[in-house]
Amino acid sequence: MSQIPVINSIEELAKFWDTHDVTDFAGELEEVREPAFERGAEAVVHIRLDSAQAQALRRMARARGMEAAKLVEEWVNERLRASR
């Protein structure tokens, strides 16, 4: 029986491997030549902030117990909903 969990999220898979050592699962590993994950309808958008903006964003996110990128995503979603 495999001890490696079946995970459909890159983030969850990263969390698993952050707390486990790949050598503990050497007998279960196999080489995969094609992508294991397909990107859905997601897109990555890069924005430039000056250091004061970035610091303020991180402070606001930390105060809400979230990552800065999630806070920005929340703001974008709010604006998109409001513009419909």
PDB file of N, CA and C in Angstrom:
ATOM      1  N   MET A   1       0.852  -1.188   0.000  1.00  0.00           N
ATOM      2  CA  MET A   1       0.000   0.000   0.000  1.00  0.00           C
ATOM      3  C   MET A   1       0.893   1.244   0.000  1.00  0.00           C
ATOM      4  N   SER A   2       0.598   2.176  -0.896  1.00  0.00           N
ATOM      5  CA  SER A   2       1.386   3.394  -1.023  1.00  0.00           C
ATOM      6  C   SER A   2       1.196   4.296   0.189  1.00  0.00           C
ATOM      7  N   GLN A   3       2.283   4.917   0.601  1.00  0.00           N
ATOM      8  CA  GLN A   3       2.212   5.890   1.682  1.00  0.00           C
ATOM      9  C   GLN A   3       2.189   7.310   1.132  1.00  0.00           C
ATOM     10  N   ILE A   4       2.441   7.458  -0.174  1.00  0.00           N
ATOM     11  CA  ILE A   4       2.394   8.774  -0.795  1.00  0.00           C
ATOM     12  C   ILE A   4       0.926   9.096  -1.078  1.00  0.00           C
ATOM     13  N   PRO A   5       0.432  10.226  -0.573  1.00  0.00           N
ATOM     14  CA  PRO A   5      -0.981  10.553  -0.779  1.00  0.00           C
ATOM     15  C   PRO A   5      -1.257  10.939  -2.229  1.00  0.00           C
ATOM     16  N   VAL A   6      -2.483  10.713  -2.656  1.00  0.00           N
ATOM     17  CA  VAL A   6      -2.931  11.165  -3.970  1.00  0.00           C
ATOM     18  C   VAL A   6      -3.420  12.590  -3.778  1.00  0.00           C
ATOM     19  N   ILE A   7      -2.725  13.526  -4.403  1.00  0.00           N
ATOM     20  CA  ILE A   7      -3.010  14.953  -4.211  1.00  0.00           C
ATOM     21  C   ILE A   7      -3.185  15.593  -5.574  1.00  0.00           C
ATOM     22  N   ASN A   8      -4.228  16.386  -5.737  1.00  0.00           N
ATOM     23  CA  ASN A   8      -4.504  17.043  -7.008  1.00  0.00           C
ATOM     24  C   ASN A   8      -4.151  18.522  -6.994  1.00  0.00           C
ATOM     25  N   SER A   9      -3.362  18.946  -6.032  1.00  0.00           N
ATOM     26  CA  SER A   9      -3.008  20.357  -5.898  1.00  0.00           C
ATOM     27  C   SER A   9      -1.495  20.478  -5.761  1.00  0.00           C
ATOM     28  N   ILE A  10      -0.911  21.325  -6.572  1.00  0.00           N
ATOM     29  CA  ILE A  10       0.536  21.544  -6.473  1.00  0.00           C
ATOM     30  C   ILE A  10       0.889  22.080  -5.096  1.00  0.00           C
ATOM     31  N   GLU A  11       0.063  22.995  -4.565  1.00  0.00           N
ATOM     32  CA  GLU A  11       0.339  23.573  -3.251  1.00  0.00           C
ATOM     33  C   GLU A  11       0.306  22.509  -2.156  1.00  0.00           C
ATOM     34  N   GLU A  12      -0.702  21.629  -2.190  1.00  0.00           N
ATOM     35  CA  GLU A  12      -0.807  20.571  -1.186  1.00  0.00           C
ATOM     36  C   GLU A  12       0.341  19.574  -1.329  1.00  0.00           C
ATOM     37  N   LEU A  13       0.714  19.269  -2.567  1.00  0.00           N
ATOM     38  CA  LEU A  13       1.835  18.369  -2.795  1.00  0.00           C
ATOM     39  C   LEU A  13       3.127  18.979  -2.250  1.00  0.00           C
ATOM     40  N   ALA A  14       3.310  20.267  -2.462  1.00  0.00           N
ATOM     41  CA  ALA A  14       4.499  20.951  -1.933  1.00  0.00           C
ATOM     42  C   ALA A  14       4.521  20.895  -0.411  1.00  0.00           C
ATOM     43  N   LYS A  15       3.361  21.102   0.225  1.00  0.00           N
ATOM     44  CA  LYS A  15       3.290  21.024   1.688  1.00  0.00           C
ATOM     45  C   LYS A  15       3.678  19.624   2.174  1.00  0.00           C
ATOM     46  N   PHE A  16       3.191  18.597   1.465  1.00  0.00           N
ATOM     47  CA  PHE A  16       3.528  17.219   1.849  1.00  0.00           C
ATOM     48  C   PHE A  16       5.039  17.010   1.798  1.00  0.00           C
ATOM     49  N   TRP A  17       5.669  17.400   0.681  1.00  0.00           N
ATOM     50  CA  TRP A  17       7.104  17.158   0.528  1.00  0.00           C
ATOM     51  C   TRP A  17       7.943  18.074   1.398  1.00  0.00           C
ATOM     52  N   ASP A  18       7.372  19.192   1.878  1.00  0.00           N
ATOM     53  CA  ASP A  18       8.091  20.035   2.835  1.00  0.00           C
ATOM     54  C   ASP A  18       8.276  19.326   4.170  1.00  0.00           C
ATOM     55  N   THR A  19       7.406  18.357   4.453  1.00  0.00           N
ATOM     56  CA  THR A  19       7.454  17.670   5.751  1.00  0.00           C
ATOM     57  C   THR A  19       7.857  16.205   5.641  1.00  0.00           C
ATOM     58  N   HIS A  20       8.213  15.755   4.432  1.00  0.00           N
ATOM     59  CA  HIS A  20       8.612  14.362   4.221  1.00  0.00           C
ATOM     60  C   HIS A  20       9.874  14.300   3.387  1.00  0.00           C
ATOM     61  N   ASP A  21      10.606  13.232   3.498  1.00  0.00           N
ATOM     62  CA  ASP A  21      11.842  13.047   2.743  1.00  0.00           C
ATOM     63  C   ASP A  21      11.602  12.046   1.627  1.00  0.00           C
ATOM     64  N   VAL A  22      11.970  12.425   0.405  1.00  0.00           N
ATOM     65  CA  VAL A  22      11.731  11.574  -0.758  1.00  0.00           C
ATOM     66  C   VAL A  22      12.426  10.215  -0.626  1.00  0.00           C
ATOM     67  N   THR A  23      13.539  10.163   0.089  1.00  0.00           N
ATOM     68  CA  THR A  23      14.246   8.885   0.223  1.00  0.00           C
ATOM     69  C   THR A  23      13.448   7.863   1.032  1.00  0.00           C
ATOM     70  N   ASP A  24      12.496   8.331   1.830  1.00  0.00           N
ATOM     71  CA  ASP A  24      11.645   7.407   2.581  1.00  0.00           C
ATOM     72  C   ASP A  24      10.669   6.665   1.668  1.00  0.00           C
ATOM     73  N   PHE A  25      10.508   7.134   0.435  1.00  0.00           N
ATOM     74  CA  PHE A  25       9.549   6.552  -0.500  1.00  0.00           C
ATOM     75  C   PHE A  25      10.232   6.026  -1.757  1.00  0.00           C
ATOM     76  N   ALA A  26      11.523   5.765  -1.692  1.00  0.00           N
ATOM     77  CA  ALA A  26      12.309   5.386  -2.873  1.00  0.00           C
ATOM     78  C   ALA A  26      11.704   4.196  -3.612  1.00  0.00           C
ATOM     79  N   GLY A  27      11.168   3.239  -2.907  1.00  0.00           N
ATOM     80  CA  GLY A  27      10.592   2.066  -3.549  1.00  0.00           C
ATOM     81  C   GLY A  27       9.289   2.342  -4.275  1.00  0.00           C
ATOM     82  N   GLU A  28       8.665   3.472  -4.010  1.00  0.00           N
ATOM     83  CA  GLU A  28       7.379   3.812  -4.623  1.00  0.00           C
ATOM     84  C   GLU A  28       7.513   4.766  -5.804  1.00  0.00           C
ATOM     85  N   LEU A  29       8.694   5.318  -6.013  1.00  0.00           N
ATOM     86  CA  LEU A  29       8.862   6.349  -7.030  1.00  0.00           C
ATOM     87  C   LEU A  29       9.036   5.751  -8.412  1.00  0.00           C
ATOM     88  N   GLU A  30       8.527   6.469  -9.404  1.00  0.00           N
ATOM     89  CA  GLU A  30       8.716   6.076 -10.795  1.00  0.00           C
ATOM     90  C   GLU A  30       8.921   7.332 -11.622  1.00  0.00           C
ATOM     91  N   GLU A  31       9.649   7.228 -12.700  1.00  0.00           N
ATOM     92  CA  GLU A  31       9.903   8.370 -13.560  1.00  0.00           C
ATOM     93  C   GLU A  31       8.657   8.689 -14.377  1.00  0.00           C
ATOM     94  N   VAL A  32       8.327   9.963 -14.441  1.00  0.00           N
ATOM     95  CA  VAL A  32       7.182  10.431 -15.226  1.00  0.00           C
ATOM     96  C   VAL A  32       7.713  11.430 -16.238  1.00  0.00           C
ATOM     97  N   ARG A  33       7.439  11.174 -17.503  1.00  0.00           N
ATOM     98  CA  ARG A  33       7.975  12.035 -18.560  1.00  0.00           C
ATOM     99  C   ARG A  33       7.015  13.150 -18.983  1.00  0.00           C
ATOM    100  N   GLU A  34       5.725  12.979 -18.776  1.00  0.00           N
ATOM    101  CA  GLU A  34       4.772  14.018 -19.132  1.00  0.00           C
ATOM    102  C   GLU A  34       4.404  14.813 -17.888  1.00  0.00           C
ATOM    103  N   PRO A  35       3.840  16.005 -18.053  1.00  0.00           N
ATOM    104  CA  PRO A  35       3.474  16.819 -16.884  1.00  0.00           C
ATOM    105  C   PRO A  35       2.495  16.076 -15.979  1.00  0.00           C
ATOM    106  N   ALA A  36       2.729  16.160 -14.695  1.00  0.00           N
ATOM    107  CA  ALA A  36       1.851  15.513 -13.723  1.00  0.00           C
ATOM    108  C   ALA A  36       0.622  16.369 -13.434  1.00  0.00           C
ATOM    109  N   PHE A  37       0.738  17.676 -13.609  1.00  0.00           N
ATOM    110  CA  PHE A  37      -0.363  18.598 -13.359  1.00  0.00           C
ATOM    111  C   PHE A  37      -0.580  19.439 -14.598  1.00  0.00           C
ATOM    112  N   GLU A  38      -1.826  19.667 -14.929  1.00  0.00           N
ATOM    113  CA  GLU A  38      -2.163  20.582 -16.008  1.00  0.00           C
ATOM    114  C   GLU A  38      -2.687  21.857 -15.384  1.00  0.00           C
ATOM    115  N   ARG A  39      -2.244  22.948 -15.914  1.00  0.00           N
ATOM    116  CA  ARG A  39      -2.764  24.226 -15.437  1.00  0.00           C
ATOM    117  C   ARG A  39      -4.167  24.401 -15.989  1.00  0.00           C
ATOM    118  N   GLY A  40      -5.061  24.782 -15.120  1.00  0.00           N
ATOM    119  CA  GLY A  40      -6.431  25.019 -15.545  1.00  0.00           C
ATOM    120  C   GLY A  40      -6.544  26.368 -16.204  1.00  0.00           C
ATOM    121  N   ALA A  41      -7.552  27.066 -15.860  1.00  0.00           N
ATOM    122  CA  ALA A  41      -7.798  28.371 -16.438  1.00  0.00           C
ATOM    123  C   ALA A  41      -7.022  29.461 -15.699  1.00  0.00           C
ATOM    124  N   GLU A  42      -6.101  29.057 -14.843  1.00  0.00           N
ATOM    125  CA  GLU A  42      -5.335  30.034 -14.068  1.00  0.00           C
ATOM    126  C   GLU A  42      -4.271  30.693 -14.925  1.00  0.00           C
ATOM    127  N   ALA A  43      -3.972  31.916 -14.592  1.00  0.00           N
ATOM    128  CA  ALA A  43      -2.888  32.646 -15.242  1.00  0.00           C
ATOM    129  C   ALA A  43      -2.119  33.379 -14.152  1.00  0.00           C
ATOM    130  N   VAL A  44      -0.858  33.561 -14.375  1.00  0.00           N
ATOM    131  CA  VAL A  44      -0.022  34.302 -13.440  1.00  0.00           C
ATOM    132  C   VAL A  44       0.173  35.694 -14.002  1.00  0.00           C
ATOM    133  N   VAL A  45      -0.070  36.696 -13.168  1.00  0.00           N
ATOM    134  CA  VAL A  45       0.119  38.083 -13.552  1.00  0.00           C
ATOM    135  C   VAL A  45       1.144  38.691 -12.605  1.00  0.00           C
ATOM    136  N   HIS A  46       2.170  39.285 -13.174  1.00  0.00           N
ATOM    137  CA  HIS A  46       3.206  39.917 -12.357  1.00  0.00           C
ATOM    138  C   HIS A  46       2.930  41.420 -12.286  1.00  0.00           C
ATOM    139  N   ILE A  47       3.069  41.976 -11.094  1.00  0.00           N
ATOM    140  CA  ILE A  47       2.920  43.417 -10.925  1.00  0.00           C
ATOM    141  C   ILE A  47       4.158  43.949 -10.216  1.00  0.00           C
ATOM    142  N   ARG A  48       4.453  45.192 -10.458  1.00  0.00           N
ATOM    143  CA  ARG A  48       5.586  45.831  -9.790  1.00  0.00           C
ATOM    144  C   ARG A  48       5.062  46.754  -8.700  1.00  0.00           C
ATOM    145  N   LEU A  49       5.630  46.619  -7.520  1.00  0.00           N
ATOM    146  CA  LEU A  49       5.320  47.503  -6.400  1.00  0.00           C
ATOM    147  C   LEU A  49       6.628  48.078  -5.895  1.00  0.00           C
ATOM    148  N   ASP A  50       6.585  49.318  -5.429  1.00  0.00           N
ATOM    149  CA  ASP A  50       7.796  49.815  -4.789  1.00  0.00           C
ATOM    150  C   ASP A  50       7.876  49.187  -3.398  1.00  0.00           C
ATOM    151  N   SER A  51       8.991  49.347  -2.743  1.00  0.00           N
ATOM    152  CA  SER A  51       9.182  48.631  -1.469  1.00  0.00           C
ATOM    153  C   SER A  51       8.165  49.043  -0.410  1.00  0.00           C
ATOM    154  N   ALA A  52       7.777  50.325  -0.395  1.00  0.00           N
ATOM    155  CA  ALA A  52       6.775  50.767   0.591  1.00  0.00           C
ATOM    156  C   ALA A  52       5.427  50.108   0.317  1.00  0.00           C
ATOM    157  N   GLN A  53       5.047  50.020  -0.942  1.00  0.00           N
ATOM    158  CA  GLN A  53       3.787  49.355  -1.297  1.00  0.00           C
ATOM    159  C   GLN A  53       3.831  47.884  -0.911  1.00  0.00           C
ATOM    160  N   ALA A  54       4.938  47.213  -1.215  1.00  0.00           N
ATOM    161  CA  ALA A  54       5.074  45.785  -0.910  1.00  0.00           C
ATOM    162  C   ALA A  54       5.020  45.548   0.595  1.00  0.00           C
ATOM    163  N   GLN A  55       5.681  46.405   1.354  1.00  0.00           N
ATOM    164  CA  GLN A  55       5.658  46.264   2.812  1.00  0.00           C
ATOM    165  C   GLN A  55       4.254  46.469   3.358  1.00  0.00           C
ATOM    166  N   ALA A  56       3.552  47.488   2.847  1.00  0.00           N
ATOM    167  CA  ALA A  56       2.183  47.753   3.302  1.00  0.00           C
ATOM    168  C   ALA A  56       1.271  46.583   2.958  1.00  0.00           C
ATOM    169  N   LEU A  57       1.433  46.042   1.755  1.00  0.00           N
ATOM    170  CA  LEU A  57       0.633  44.889   1.340  1.00  0.00           C
ATOM    171  C   LEU A  57       0.885  43.700   2.256  1.00  0.00           C
ATOM    172  N   ARG A  58       2.149  43.405   2.535  1.00  0.00           N
ATOM    173  CA  ARG A  58       2.470  42.271   3.424  1.00  0.00           C
ATOM    174  C   ARG A  58       1.906  42.488   4.826  1.00  0.00           C
ATOM    175  N   ARG A  59       1.987  43.734   5.339  1.00  0.00           N
ATOM    176  CA  ARG A  59       1.427  44.029   6.665  1.00  0.00           C
ATOM    177  C   ARG A  59      -0.079  43.802   6.685  1.00  0.00           C
ATOM    178  N   MET A  60      -0.766  44.290   5.652  1.00  0.00           N
ATOM    179  CA  MET A  60      -2.217  44.124   5.596  1.00  0.00           C
ATOM    180  C   MET A  60      -2.588  42.647   5.503  1.00  0.00           C
ATOM    181  N   ALA A  61      -1.865  41.902   4.691  1.00  0.00           N
ATOM    182  CA  ALA A  61      -2.141  40.474   4.545  1.00  0.00           C
ATOM    183  C   ALA A  61      -1.883  39.743   5.852  1.00  0.00           C
ATOM    184  N   ARG A  62      -0.767  40.054   6.488  1.00  0.00           N
ATOM    185  CA  ARG A  62      -0.420  39.402   7.762  1.00  0.00           C
ATOM    186  C   ARG A  62      -1.494  39.677   8.811  1.00  0.00           C
ATOM    187  N   ALA A  63      -2.011  40.906   8.837  1.00  0.00           N
ATOM    188  CA  ALA A  63      -3.058  41.271   9.804  1.00  0.00           C
ATOM    189  C   ALA A  63      -4.331  40.461   9.573  1.00  0.00           C
ATOM    190  N   ARG A  64      -4.546  40.024   8.327  1.00  0.00           N
ATOM    191  CA  ARG A  64      -5.718  39.207   8.012  1.00  0.00           C
ATOM    192  C   ARG A  64      -5.407  37.721   8.021  1.00  0.00           C
ATOM    193  N   GLY A  65      -4.145  37.361   8.356  1.00  0.00           N
ATOM    194  CA  GLY A  65      -3.766  35.960   8.449  1.00  0.00           C
ATOM    195  C   GLY A  65      -3.686  35.270   7.104  1.00  0.00           C
ATOM    196  N   MET A  66      -3.254  36.013   6.085  1.00  0.00           N
ATOM    197  CA  MET A  66      -3.184  35.420   4.758  1.00  0.00           C
ATOM    198  C   MET A  66      -1.907  35.869   4.050  1.00  0.00           C
ATOM    199  N   GLU A  67      -1.617  35.214   2.940  1.00  0.00           N
ATOM    200  CA  GLU A  67      -0.479  35.597   2.130  1.00  0.00           C
ATOM    201  C   GLU A  67      -0.835  36.819   1.302  1.00  0.00           C
ATOM    202  N   ALA A  68       0.174  37.620   0.965  1.00  0.00           N
ATOM    203  CA  ALA A  68      -0.050  38.840   0.190  1.00  0.00           C
ATOM    204  C   ALA A  68      -0.721  38.538  -1.149  1.00  0.00           C
ATOM    205  N   ALA A  69      -0.292  37.488  -1.823  1.00  0.00           N
ATOM    206  CA  ALA A  69      -0.870  37.153  -3.126  1.00  0.00           C
ATOM    207  C   ALA A  69      -2.358  36.827  -3.000  1.00  0.00           C
ATOM    208  N   LYS A  70      -2.746  36.156  -1.929  1.00  0.00           N
ATOM    209  CA  LYS A  70      -4.163  35.837  -1.721  1.00  0.00           C
ATOM    210  C   LYS A  70      -4.979  37.108  -1.479  1.00  0.00           C
ATOM    211  N   LEU A  71      -4.395  38.063  -0.764  1.00  0.00           N
ATOM    212  CA  LEU A  71      -5.091  39.321  -0.519  1.00  0.00           C
ATOM    213  C   LEU A  71      -5.304  40.078  -1.834  1.00  0.00           C
ATOM    214  N   VAL A  72      -4.279  40.117  -2.666  1.00  0.00           N
ATOM    215  CA  VAL A  72      -4.414  40.769  -3.974  1.00  0.00           C
ATOM    216  C   VAL A  72      -5.478  40.057  -4.808  1.00  0.00           C
ATOM    217  N   GLU A  73      -5.466  38.722  -4.787  1.00  0.00           N
ATOM    218  CA  GLU A  73      -6.470  37.952  -5.520  1.00  0.00           C
ATOM    219  C   GLU A  73      -7.875  38.289  -5.024  1.00  0.00           C
ATOM    220  N   GLU A  74      -8.020  38.426  -3.710  1.00  0.00           N
ATOM    221  CA  GLU A  74      -9.317  38.781  -3.131  1.00  0.00           C
ATOM    222  C   GLU A  74      -9.768  40.158  -3.626  1.00  0.00           C
ATOM    223  N   TRP A  75      -8.847  41.122  -3.645  1.00  0.00           N
ATOM    224  CA  TRP A  75      -9.180  42.468  -4.112  1.00  0.00           C
ATOM    225  C   TRP A  75      -9.601  42.447  -5.580  1.00  0.00           C
ATOM    226  N   VAL A  76      -8.873  41.710  -6.392  1.00  0.00           N
ATOM    227  CA  VAL A  76      -9.210  41.625  -7.820  1.00  0.00           C
ATOM    228  C   VAL A  76     -10.600  41.023  -7.984  1.00  0.00           C
ATOM    229  N   ASN A  77     -10.874  39.948  -7.263  1.00  0.00           N
ATOM    230  CA  ASN A  77     -12.201  39.320  -7.353  1.00  0.00           C
ATOM    231  C   ASN A  77     -13.306  40.272  -6.931  1.00  0.00           C
ATOM    232  N   GLU A  78     -13.065  41.049  -5.871  1.00  0.00           N
ATOM    233  CA  GLU A  78     -14.064  42.025  -5.417  1.00  0.00           C
ATOM    234  C   GLU A  78     -14.344  43.058  -6.508  1.00  0.00           C
ATOM    235  N   ARG A  79     -13.288  43.567  -7.130  1.00  0.00           N
ATOM    236  CA  ARG A  79     -13.462  44.572  -8.175  1.00  0.00           C
ATOM    237  C   ARG A  79     -14.161  43.990  -9.396  1.00  0.00           C
ATOM    238  N   LEU A  80     -13.831  42.759  -9.748  1.00  0.00           N
ATOM    239  CA  LEU A  80     -14.470  42.114 -10.904  1.00  0.00           C
ATOM    240  C   LEU A  80     -15.956  41.900 -10.648  1.00  0.00           C
ATOM    241  N   ARG A  81     -16.289  41.446  -9.447  1.00  0.00           N
ATOM    242  CA  ARG A  81     -17.699  41.267  -9.090  1.00  0.00           C
ATOM    243  C   ARG A  81     -18.451  42.594  -9.134  1.00  0.00           C
ATOM    244  N   ALA A  82     -17.805  43.643  -8.622  1.00  0.00           N
ATOM    245  CA  ALA A  82     -18.438  44.953  -8.571  1.00  0.00           C
ATOM    246  C   ALA A  82     -18.645  45.542  -9.967  1.00  0.00           C
ATOM    247  N   SER A  83     -17.817  45.159 -10.908  1.00  0.00           N
ATOM    248  CA  SER A  83     -17.927  45.740 -12.238  1.00  0.00           C
ATOM    249  C   SER A  83     -18.918  45.002 -13.137  1.00  0.00           C
ATOM    250  N   ARG A  84     -19.479  43.912 -12.659  1.00  0.00           N
ATOM    251  CA  ARG A  84     -20.450  43.143 -13.461  1.00  0.00           C
ATOM    252  C   ARG A  84     -21.811  43.771 -13.458  1.00  0.00           C
TER     253      ARG A  84
END
